[in-house]
């Protein structure tokens, strides 16, 4: 995750609700790009990282 922040992919992130889930705001062209980038995260193979999305345009 740190690398994704350093690369400018994750713009904002943190825990939500009871803290068992997190929300990340990312810079990406589409949902496929998000899924491809996050699939490389070490947590993904263990099922600890699940991707859902809500599209929004900022600016």
C-alpha atoms as a PDB file:
ATOM      1  CA  UNK A   1       0.000   0.000   0.000  1.00  0.00           C
ATOM      2  CA  UNK A   2       2.806   2.427   0.804  1.00  0.00           C
ATOM      3  CA  UNK A   3       4.135   2.091  -2.733  1.00  0.00           C
ATOM      4  CA  UNK A   4       0.673   2.801  -4.197  1.00  0.00           C
ATOM      5  CA  UNK A   5       0.522   6.007  -2.134  1.00  0.00           C
ATOM      6  CA  UNK A   6       4.053   7.002  -3.174  1.00  0.00           C
ATOM      7  CA  UNK A   7       3.144   6.400  -6.834  1.00  0.00           C
ATOM      8  CA  UNK A   8       0.124   8.718  -6.498  1.00  0.00           C
ATOM      9  CA  UNK A   9      -2.363   5.913  -7.152  1.00  0.00           C
ATOM     10  CA  UNK A  10      -3.984   6.030  -3.706  1.00  0.00           C
ATOM     11  CA  UNK A  11      -4.960   9.610  -2.936  1.00  0.00           C
ATOM     12  CA  UNK A  12      -6.737   9.043   0.368  1.00  0.00           C
ATOM     13  CA  UNK A  13      -7.452   6.011   2.515  1.00  0.00           C
ATOM     14  CA  UNK A  14      -8.350   4.807   5.947  1.00  0.00           C
ATOM     15  CA  UNK A  15     -10.710   2.765   8.098  1.00  0.00           C
ATOM     16  CA  UNK A  16     -14.489   3.220   7.916  1.00  0.00           C
ATOM     17  CA  UNK A  17     -17.361   2.159  10.140  1.00  0.00           C
ATOM     18  CA  UNK A  18     -16.231  -0.210  12.866  1.00  0.00           C
ATOM     19  CA  UNK A  19     -12.690  -0.256  11.452  1.00  0.00           C
ATOM     20  CA  UNK A  20     -12.953  -3.700   9.872  1.00  0.00           C
ATOM     21  CA  UNK A  21     -13.059  -2.182   6.378  1.00  0.00           C
ATOM     22  CA  UNK A  22     -11.139   0.561   4.640  1.00  0.00           C
ATOM     23  CA  UNK A  23     -11.940   3.032   1.906  1.00  0.00           C
ATOM     24  CA  UNK A  24      -9.400   4.190  -0.671  1.00  0.00           C
ATOM     25  CA  UNK A  25      -9.759   7.045  -3.122  1.00  0.00           C
ATOM     26  CA  UNK A  26      -7.585   6.298  -6.145  1.00  0.00           C
ATOM     27  CA  UNK A  27      -6.473   7.943  -9.384  1.00  0.00           C
ATOM     28  CA  UNK A  28      -7.290   5.548 -12.245  1.00  0.00           C
ATOM     29  CA  UNK A  29      -8.702   5.575 -15.761  1.00  0.00           C
ATOM     30  CA  UNK A  30     -11.197   2.808 -15.008  1.00  0.00           C
ATOM     31  CA  UNK A  31     -12.127  -0.006 -12.619  1.00  0.00           C
ATOM     32  CA  UNK A  32      -9.959  -2.495 -14.512  1.00  0.00           C
ATOM     33  CA  UNK A  33      -6.866  -0.410 -13.766  1.00  0.00           C
ATOM     34  CA  UNK A  34      -7.799  -0.386 -10.076  1.00  0.00           C
ATOM     35  CA  UNK A  35      -8.237  -4.161 -10.021  1.00  0.00           C
ATOM     36  CA  UNK A  36      -4.938  -4.780 -11.847  1.00  0.00           C
ATOM     37  CA  UNK A  37      -2.943  -2.511  -9.546  1.00  0.00           C
ATOM     38  CA  UNK A  38      -4.461  -3.871  -6.339  1.00  0.00           C
ATOM     39  CA  UNK A  39      -4.093  -7.498  -7.492  1.00  0.00           C
ATOM     40  CA  UNK A  40      -0.323  -7.039  -7.097  1.00  0.00           C
ATOM     41  CA  UNK A  41      -0.677  -6.114  -3.411  1.00  0.00           C
ATOM     42  CA  UNK A  42       0.692  -8.776  -1.003  1.00  0.00           C
ATOM     43  CA  UNK A  43      -2.680  -8.921   0.799  1.00  0.00           C
ATOM     44  CA  UNK A  44      -4.624  -9.850  -2.356  1.00  0.00           C
ATOM     45  CA  UNK A  45      -3.638 -13.559  -2.647  1.00  0.00           C
ATOM     46  CA  UNK A  46      -4.718 -14.194   0.967  1.00  0.00           C
ATOM     47  CA  UNK A  47      -8.166 -12.731   0.333  1.00  0.00           C
ATOM     48  CA  UNK A  48      -7.533  -9.823   2.700  1.00  0.00           C
ATOM     49  CA  UNK A  49      -8.041  -7.285  -0.057  1.00  0.00           C
ATOM     50  CA  UNK A  50     -11.394  -7.184  -1.826  1.00  0.00           C
ATOM     51  CA  UNK A  51     -12.179  -4.572  -4.440  1.00  0.00           C
ATOM     52  CA  UNK A  52     -15.485  -2.755  -4.847  1.00  0.00           C
ATOM     53  CA  UNK A  53     -15.922   0.531  -6.638  1.00  0.00           C
ATOM     54  CA  UNK A  54     -17.896   3.721  -6.956  1.00  0.00           C
ATOM     55  CA  UNK A  55     -16.943   5.866  -9.921  1.00  0.00           C
ATOM     56  CA  UNK A  56     -16.649   9.619  -9.500  1.00  0.00           C
ATOM     57  CA  UNK A  57     -15.058  12.443 -11.451  1.00  0.00           C
ATOM     58  CA  UNK A  58     -13.299  15.139  -9.469  1.00  0.00           C
ATOM     59  CA  UNK A  59     -12.385  18.563 -10.726  1.00  0.00           C
END
